[in-house]
C-alpha cells in the first residue's frame, strides 16, 4: 500500500503525548538529536537518597522507574520517559556535590582511576506497562594536578552534576579512557532510549 502525503501527520496525531519526567536540559538536548521534542516536561521530584547498601546499578534502575511511574499516575494516556544517572566508584555512589569542597573531594577520588556511570531509563506506556534499560559506561580520568582540580571547581560546572563533573563540557579533557555509551555519561543513552520508543510504537522508523 502506498502511504499518502498526510501519513506522517496522521501517525503523529495518533501517537500519545510524550512526557519527559526530568527537568535536565542535557536530556532535552540529547532527545533533540533524535528529532524528539517532548510534548511536556514534568519532573518527578522524588527523594533520590540511596538505600542502605544499595548498589549504583540498582539505584539508577529504581529511581528511573519510580520517576516514570510517579509522573504516569498524574498523566493517564501519556507515554512517560524517565532516567536517572548514577556515578559510582566501586561500591561508593557519588551524587551531586553539595558544595565546592565536596566537588573537590569527588575530583580527588576520580583522579587517576576508573569509575562507572550508570543510567536507568524507564518508559511507561499508556496501558501502564513499564519498559526498562540499564546502561553502564566505564571511564578513567587521568591523574589531575591540584591546579586542574581547583580550576575546574572554580568554573562551577560541577553544580547539579552527578559525580561532580560534566563530560560534555570542560571535564571531557580529563577523560583518558571511555568504554561504552558517551551519551549515557551525559545523561541519556540514545541507542537504548530510541529502542524503547520504537518498541512502544512511538518512534519510527
C-alpha atoms as a PDB file:
ATOM      1  CA  UNK A   1       0.000   0.000   0.000  1.00  0.00           C
ATOM      2  CA  UNK A   2       1.286   3.452  -0.850  1.00  0.00           C
ATOM      3  CA  UNK A   3       1.341   5.906   2.026  1.00  0.00           C
ATOM      4  CA  UNK A   4      -0.242   9.241   1.196  1.00  0.00           C
ATOM      5  CA  UNK A   5       1.373  12.634   1.850  1.00  0.00           C
ATOM      6  CA  UNK A   6      -0.541  13.009   5.123  1.00  0.00           C
ATOM      7  CA  UNK A   7       0.522   9.626   6.503  1.00  0.00           C
ATOM      8  CA  UNK A   8       3.308  11.108   8.639  1.00  0.00           C
ATOM      9  CA  UNK A   9       0.952  13.739  10.051  1.00  0.00           C
ATOM     10  CA  UNK A  10      -1.690  11.109  10.771  1.00  0.00           C
ATOM     11  CA  UNK A  11       0.879   8.985  12.608  1.00  0.00           C
ATOM     12  CA  UNK A  12       1.927  11.951  14.728  1.00  0.00           C
ATOM     13  CA  UNK A  13      -1.659  12.828  15.608  1.00  0.00           C
ATOM     14  CA  UNK A  14      -2.454   9.245  16.620  1.00  0.00           C
ATOM     15  CA  UNK A  15       0.522   8.943  18.971  1.00  0.00           C
ATOM     16  CA  UNK A  16       0.069   9.511  22.698  1.00  0.00           C
ATOM     17  CA  UNK A  17       1.763  12.608  24.131  1.00  0.00           C
ATOM     18  CA  UNK A  18       5.344  12.073  25.258  1.00  0.00           C
ATOM     19  CA  UNK A  19       6.215  13.427  28.697  1.00  0.00           C
ATOM     20  CA  UNK A  20       9.792  13.752  29.887  1.00  0.00           C
ATOM     21  CA  UNK A  21       9.910  13.217  33.654  1.00  0.00           C
ATOM     22  CA  UNK A  22      13.058  15.319  34.013  1.00  0.00           C
ATOM     23  CA  UNK A  23      13.987  18.994  34.003  1.00  0.00           C
ATOM     24  CA  UNK A  24      17.521  18.230  32.779  1.00  0.00           C
ATOM     25  CA  UNK A  25      18.459  20.443  29.826  1.00  0.00           C
ATOM     26  CA  UNK A  26      21.038  17.838  28.867  1.00  0.00           C
ATOM     27  CA  UNK A  27      18.368  15.193  28.364  1.00  0.00           C
ATOM     28  CA  UNK A  28      16.320  17.608  26.288  1.00  0.00           C
ATOM     29  CA  UNK A  29      19.345  18.287  24.102  1.00  0.00           C
ATOM     30  CA  UNK A  30      20.017  14.570  23.699  1.00  0.00           C
ATOM     31  CA  UNK A  31      16.418  13.853  22.693  1.00  0.00           C
ATOM     32  CA  UNK A  32      16.698  16.634  20.126  1.00  0.00           C
ATOM     33  CA  UNK A  33      19.457  14.601  18.452  1.00  0.00           C
ATOM     34  CA  UNK A  34      16.782  12.001  17.752  1.00  0.00           C
ATOM     35  CA  UNK A  35      14.470  14.703  16.417  1.00  0.00           C
ATOM     36  CA  UNK A  36      12.287  14.420  19.525  1.00  0.00           C
ATOM     37  CA  UNK A  37      10.684  17.319  21.367  1.00  0.00           C
ATOM     38  CA  UNK A  38       8.587  16.086  24.334  1.00  0.00           C
ATOM     39  CA  UNK A  39       5.020  17.325  24.495  1.00  0.00           C
ATOM     40  CA  UNK A  40       5.544  18.236  28.131  1.00  0.00           C
ATOM     41  CA  UNK A  41       8.243  18.422  30.797  1.00  0.00           C
ATOM     42  CA  UNK A  42       7.078  17.153  34.186  1.00  0.00           C
ATOM     43  CA  UNK A  43       9.877  16.443  36.706  1.00  0.00           C
ATOM     44  CA  UNK A  44       9.026  13.721  39.205  1.00  0.00           C
ATOM     45  CA  UNK A  45      10.814  15.451  42.130  1.00  0.00           C
ATOM     46  CA  UNK A  46      11.427  12.329  44.246  1.00  0.00           C
ATOM     47  CA  UNK A  47      13.778  11.628  47.130  1.00  0.00           C
ATOM     48  CA  UNK A  48      16.891  10.254  45.441  1.00  0.00           C
ATOM     49  CA  UNK A  49      18.695   9.142  48.599  1.00  0.00           C
ATOM     50  CA  UNK A  50      20.284   5.699  48.129  1.00  0.00           C
ATOM     51  CA  UNK A  51      19.011   2.948  50.376  1.00  0.00           C
ATOM     52  CA  UNK A  52      21.369   1.251  52.790  1.00  0.00           C
ATOM     53  CA  UNK A  53      23.964  -0.817  50.881  1.00  0.00           C
ATOM     54  CA  UNK A  54      22.228  -0.030  47.560  1.00  0.00           C
ATOM     55  CA  UNK A  55      24.491  -0.513  44.547  1.00  0.00           C
ATOM     56  CA  UNK A  56      24.770   2.117  41.765  1.00  0.00           C
ATOM     57  CA  UNK A  57      23.089  -0.052  39.126  1.00  0.00           C
ATOM     58  CA  UNK A  58      20.133  -0.864  41.352  1.00  0.00           C
ATOM     59  CA  UNK A  59      19.755   2.777  42.411  1.00  0.00           C
ATOM     60  CA  UNK A  60      19.682   4.048  38.825  1.00  0.00           C
ATOM     61  CA  UNK A  61      17.088   1.449  37.835  1.00  0.00           C
ATOM     62  CA  UNK A  62      14.907   2.032  40.884  1.00  0.00           C
ATOM     63  CA  UNK A  63      14.850   5.810  40.575  1.00  0.00           C
ATOM     64  CA  UNK A  64      14.186   5.823  36.826  1.00  0.00           C
ATOM     65  CA  UNK A  65      11.210   3.513  37.278  1.00  0.00           C
ATOM     66  CA  UNK A  66       9.895   5.437  40.285  1.00  0.00           C
ATOM     67  CA  UNK A  67      10.087   8.740  38.407  1.00  0.00           C
ATOM     68  CA  UNK A  68       8.314   7.348  35.354  1.00  0.00           C
ATOM     69  CA  UNK A  69       5.559   5.743  37.413  1.00  0.00           C
ATOM     70  CA  UNK A  70       5.029   8.857  39.557  1.00  0.00           C
ATOM     71  CA  UNK A  71       4.508  11.067  36.517  1.00  0.00           C
ATOM     72  CA  UNK A  72       2.413   8.439  34.723  1.00  0.00           C
ATOM     73  CA  UNK A  73      -0.043   8.380  37.636  1.00  0.00           C
ATOM     74  CA  UNK A  74      -0.860  12.040  37.064  1.00  0.00           C
ATOM     75  CA  UNK A  75      -0.797  11.801  33.265  1.00  0.00           C
ATOM     76  CA  UNK A  76      -3.140   8.986  32.169  1.00  0.00           C
ATOM     77  CA  UNK A  77      -2.956   8.124  28.487  1.00  0.00           C
ATOM     78  CA  UNK A  78       0.546   9.525  28.034  1.00  0.00           C
ATOM     79  CA  UNK A  79       3.903   7.930  27.299  1.00  0.00           C
ATOM     80  CA  UNK A  80       6.283   8.852  30.120  1.00  0.00           C
ATOM     81  CA  UNK A  81      10.059   8.736  29.771  1.00  0.00           C
ATOM     82  CA  UNK A  82      12.329   8.985  32.816  1.00  0.00           C
ATOM     83  CA  UNK A  83      16.011   8.472  33.505  1.00  0.00           C
ATOM     84  CA  UNK A  84      18.418   8.563  36.397  1.00  0.00           C
ATOM     85  CA  UNK A  85      22.199   8.717  36.154  1.00  0.00           C
ATOM     86  CA  UNK A  86      24.488   7.469  38.926  1.00  0.00           C
ATOM     87  CA  UNK A  87      28.267   7.771  39.186  1.00  0.00           C
ATOM     88  CA  UNK A  88      29.942   5.009  41.151  1.00  0.00           C
ATOM     89  CA  UNK A  89      33.499   4.340  42.284  1.00  0.00           C
ATOM     90  CA  UNK A  90      33.477   0.753  43.425  1.00  0.00           C
ATOM     91  CA  UNK A  91      30.567   0.479  45.835  1.00  0.00           C
ATOM     92  CA  UNK A  92      30.582   4.206  46.585  1.00  0.00           C
ATOM     93  CA  UNK A  93      27.939   6.396  44.948  1.00  0.00           C
ATOM     94  CA  UNK A  94      28.911   9.956  44.051  1.00  0.00           C
ATOM     95  CA  UNK A  95      25.797  12.111  43.935  1.00  0.00           C
ATOM     96  CA  UNK A  96      25.533  15.815  43.176  1.00  0.00           C
ATOM     97  CA  UNK A  97      28.074  17.727  45.270  1.00  0.00           C
ATOM     98  CA  UNK A  98      26.552  19.865  47.993  1.00  0.00           C
ATOM     99  CA  UNK A  99      29.286  22.468  47.720  1.00  0.00           C
ATOM    100  CA  UNK A 100      32.688  23.267  46.209  1.00  0.00           C
ATOM    101  CA  UNK A 101      34.531  21.363  48.914  1.00  0.00           C
ATOM    102  CA  UNK A 102      32.640  18.172  48.150  1.00  0.00           C
ATOM    103  CA  UNK A 103      33.127  18.705  44.407  1.00  0.00           C
ATOM    104  CA  UNK A 104      36.880  18.856  45.030  1.00  0.00           C
ATOM    105  CA  UNK A 105      36.751  15.652  47.099  1.00  0.00           C
ATOM    106  CA  UNK A 106      34.933  13.912  44.247  1.00  0.00           C
ATOM    107  CA  UNK A 107      37.582  15.031  41.746  1.00  0.00           C
ATOM    108  CA  UNK A 108      40.344  13.799  44.034  1.00  0.00           C
ATOM    109  CA  UNK A 109      38.599  10.430  44.255  1.00  0.00           C
ATOM    110  CA  UNK A 110      38.137  10.165  40.465  1.00  0.00           C
ATOM    111  CA  UNK A 111      41.647  11.359  39.643  1.00  0.00           C
ATOM    112  CA  UNK A 112      43.791   8.668  38.033  1.00  0.00           C
ATOM    113  CA  UNK A 113      41.302   5.851  38.418  1.00  0.00           C
ATOM    114  CA  UNK A 114      38.369   4.163  36.710  1.00  0.00           C
ATOM    115  CA  UNK A 115      34.729   4.654  37.596  1.00  0.00           C
ATOM    116  CA  UNK A 116      31.340   3.751  36.172  1.00  0.00           C
ATOM    117  CA  UNK A 117      28.412   5.850  35.066  1.00  0.00           C
ATOM    118  CA  UNK A 118      25.089   4.016  35.110  1.00  0.00           C
ATOM    119  CA  UNK A 119      21.818   5.325  33.701  1.00  0.00           C
ATOM    120  CA  UNK A 120      18.469   3.702  34.238  1.00  0.00           C
ATOM    121  CA  UNK A 121      15.860   4.520  31.588  1.00  0.00           C
ATOM    122  CA  UNK A 122      12.178   3.738  32.093  1.00  0.00           C
ATOM    123  CA  UNK A 123       9.246   4.206  29.748  1.00  0.00           C
ATOM    124  CA  UNK A 124       5.660   3.856  30.957  1.00  0.00           C
ATOM    125  CA  UNK A 125       3.181   3.226  28.134  1.00  0.00           C
ATOM    126  CA  UNK A 126      -0.450   4.406  28.169  1.00  0.00           C
ATOM    127  CA  UNK A 127      -1.594   0.919  29.207  1.00  0.00           C
ATOM    128  CA  UNK A 128       0.624   1.077  32.311  1.00  0.00           C
ATOM    129  CA  UNK A 129       3.398  -1.247  31.171  1.00  0.00           C
ATOM    130  CA  UNK A 130       6.965  -0.329  32.091  1.00  0.00           C
ATOM    131  CA  UNK A 131       9.844  -0.885  29.673  1.00  0.00           C
ATOM    132  CA  UNK A 132      13.334  -0.501  31.108  1.00  0.00           C
ATOM    133  CA  UNK A 133      17.010  -0.420  30.219  1.00  0.00           C
ATOM    134  CA  UNK A 134      20.109  -0.008  32.375  1.00  0.00           C
ATOM    135  CA  UNK A 135      23.292   1.164  30.656  1.00  0.00           C
ATOM    136  CA  UNK A 136      26.809   1.292  32.098  1.00  0.00           C
ATOM    137  CA  UNK A 137      29.837   3.160  30.799  1.00  0.00           C
ATOM    138  CA  UNK A 138      33.339   2.766  32.210  1.00  0.00           C
ATOM    139  CA  UNK A 139      35.627   5.799  32.287  1.00  0.00           C
ATOM    140  CA  UNK A 140      39.020   6.730  33.618  1.00  0.00           C
ATOM    141  CA  UNK A 141      40.331  10.194  34.398  1.00  0.00           C
ATOM    142  CA  UNK A 142      43.998  10.979  34.048  1.00  0.00           C
ATOM    143  CA  UNK A 143      45.743  11.985  37.256  1.00  0.00           C
ATOM    144  CA  UNK A 144      44.675  15.562  37.840  1.00  0.00           C
ATOM    145  CA  UNK A 145      47.059  18.169  39.158  1.00  0.00           C
ATOM    146  CA  UNK A 146      45.932  20.289  42.077  1.00  0.00           C
ATOM    147  CA  UNK A 147      45.726  23.290  39.758  1.00  0.00           C
ATOM    148  CA  UNK A 148      43.481  21.440  37.304  1.00  0.00           C
ATOM    149  CA  UNK A 149      41.115  20.342  40.057  1.00  0.00           C
ATOM    150  CA  UNK A 150      40.946  23.802  41.589  1.00  0.00           C
ATOM    151  CA  UNK A 151      40.346  25.445  38.219  1.00  0.00           C
ATOM    152  CA  UNK A 152      37.505  23.054  37.463  1.00  0.00           C
ATOM    153  CA  UNK A 153      35.870  23.617  40.839  1.00  0.00           C
ATOM    154  CA  UNK A 154      36.092  27.393  40.328  1.00  0.00           C
ATOM    155  CA  UNK A 155      34.305  27.023  36.979  1.00  0.00           C
ATOM    156  CA  UNK A 156      31.127  25.927  38.792  1.00  0.00           C
ATOM    157  CA  UNK A 157      30.483  23.329  36.104  1.00  0.00           C
ATOM    158  CA  UNK A 158      30.120  20.637  38.770  1.00  0.00           C
ATOM    159  CA  UNK A 159      26.925  22.146  40.211  1.00  0.00           C
ATOM    160  CA  UNK A 160      23.932  19.857  39.834  1.00  0.00           C
ATOM    161  CA  UNK A 161      26.005  17.126  38.154  1.00  0.00           C
ATOM    162  CA  UNK A 162      26.180  13.532  39.376  1.00  0.00           C
ATOM    163  CA  UNK A 163      29.778  12.779  40.253  1.00  0.00           C
ATOM    164  CA  UNK A 164      30.630  16.472  40.192  1.00  0.00           C
ATOM    165  CA  UNK A 165      31.554  16.790  36.514  1.00  0.00           C
ATOM    166  CA  UNK A 166      30.045  17.294  33.053  1.00  0.00           C
ATOM    167  CA  UNK A 167      31.654  15.216  30.305  1.00  0.00           C
ATOM    168  CA  UNK A 168      30.013  17.265  27.553  1.00  0.00           C
ATOM    169  CA  UNK A 169      31.800  20.367  28.778  1.00  0.00           C
ATOM    170  CA  UNK A 170      35.296  21.110  30.122  1.00  0.00           C
ATOM    171  CA  UNK A 171      35.675  17.852  32.025  1.00  0.00           C
ATOM    172  CA  UNK A 172      35.923  15.856  28.808  1.00  0.00           C
ATOM    173  CA  UNK A 173      39.601  16.800  28.671  1.00  0.00           C
ATOM    174  CA  UNK A 174      40.131  14.753  31.860  1.00  0.00           C
ATOM    175  CA  UNK A 175      38.925  11.505  30.250  1.00  0.00           C
ATOM    176  CA  UNK A 176      41.761   9.237  29.100  1.00  0.00           C
ATOM    177  CA  UNK A 177      39.573   6.141  28.638  1.00  0.00           C
ATOM    178  CA  UNK A 178      35.921   5.509  27.885  1.00  0.00           C
ATOM    179  CA  UNK A 179      34.205   2.212  27.132  1.00  0.00           C
ATOM    180  CA  UNK A 180      30.515   2.292  26.294  1.00  0.00           C
ATOM    181  CA  UNK A 181      27.974   4.986  25.513  1.00  0.00           C
ATOM    182  CA  UNK A 182      29.135   8.608  25.622  1.00  0.00           C
ATOM    183  CA  UNK A 183      25.533   9.901  25.667  1.00  0.00           C
ATOM    184  CA  UNK A 184      24.924   7.709  28.705  1.00  0.00           C
ATOM    185  CA  UNK A 185      27.533   9.718  30.620  1.00  0.00           C
ATOM    186  CA  UNK A 186      25.836  12.958  29.551  1.00  0.00           C
ATOM    187  CA  UNK A 187      22.573  11.649  30.999  1.00  0.00           C
ATOM    188  CA  UNK A 188      20.578   9.607  28.474  1.00  0.00           C
ATOM    189  CA  UNK A 189      21.846   6.640  26.400  1.00  0.00           C
ATOM    190  CA  UNK A 190      20.464   7.430  22.950  1.00  0.00           C
ATOM    191  CA  UNK A 191      20.595   3.962  21.388  1.00  0.00           C
ATOM    192  CA  UNK A 192      18.671   2.328  24.226  1.00  0.00           C
ATOM    193  CA  UNK A 193      16.207   5.215  24.504  1.00  0.00           C
ATOM    194  CA  UNK A 194      15.436   5.030  20.796  1.00  0.00           C
ATOM    195  CA  UNK A 195      14.935   1.263  21.090  1.00  0.00           C
ATOM    196  CA  UNK A 196      12.433   1.745  23.920  1.00  0.00           C
ATOM    197  CA  UNK A 197      10.468   4.339  21.963  1.00  0.00           C
ATOM    198  CA  UNK A 198      10.463   2.186  18.831  1.00  0.00           C
ATOM    199  CA  UNK A 199       9.312  -0.804  20.854  1.00  0.00           C
ATOM    200  CA  UNK A 200       6.389   1.241  22.143  1.00  0.00           C
ATOM    201  CA  UNK A 201       5.488   2.252  18.581  1.00  0.00           C
ATOM    202  CA  UNK A 202       6.175   5.918  19.239  1.00  0.00           C
ATOM    203  CA  UNK A 203       9.384   6.422  17.269  1.00  0.00           C
ATOM    204  CA  UNK A 204       9.618   5.407  13.608  1.00  0.00           C
ATOM    205  CA  UNK A 205      11.464   4.300  11.637  1.00  0.00           C
END
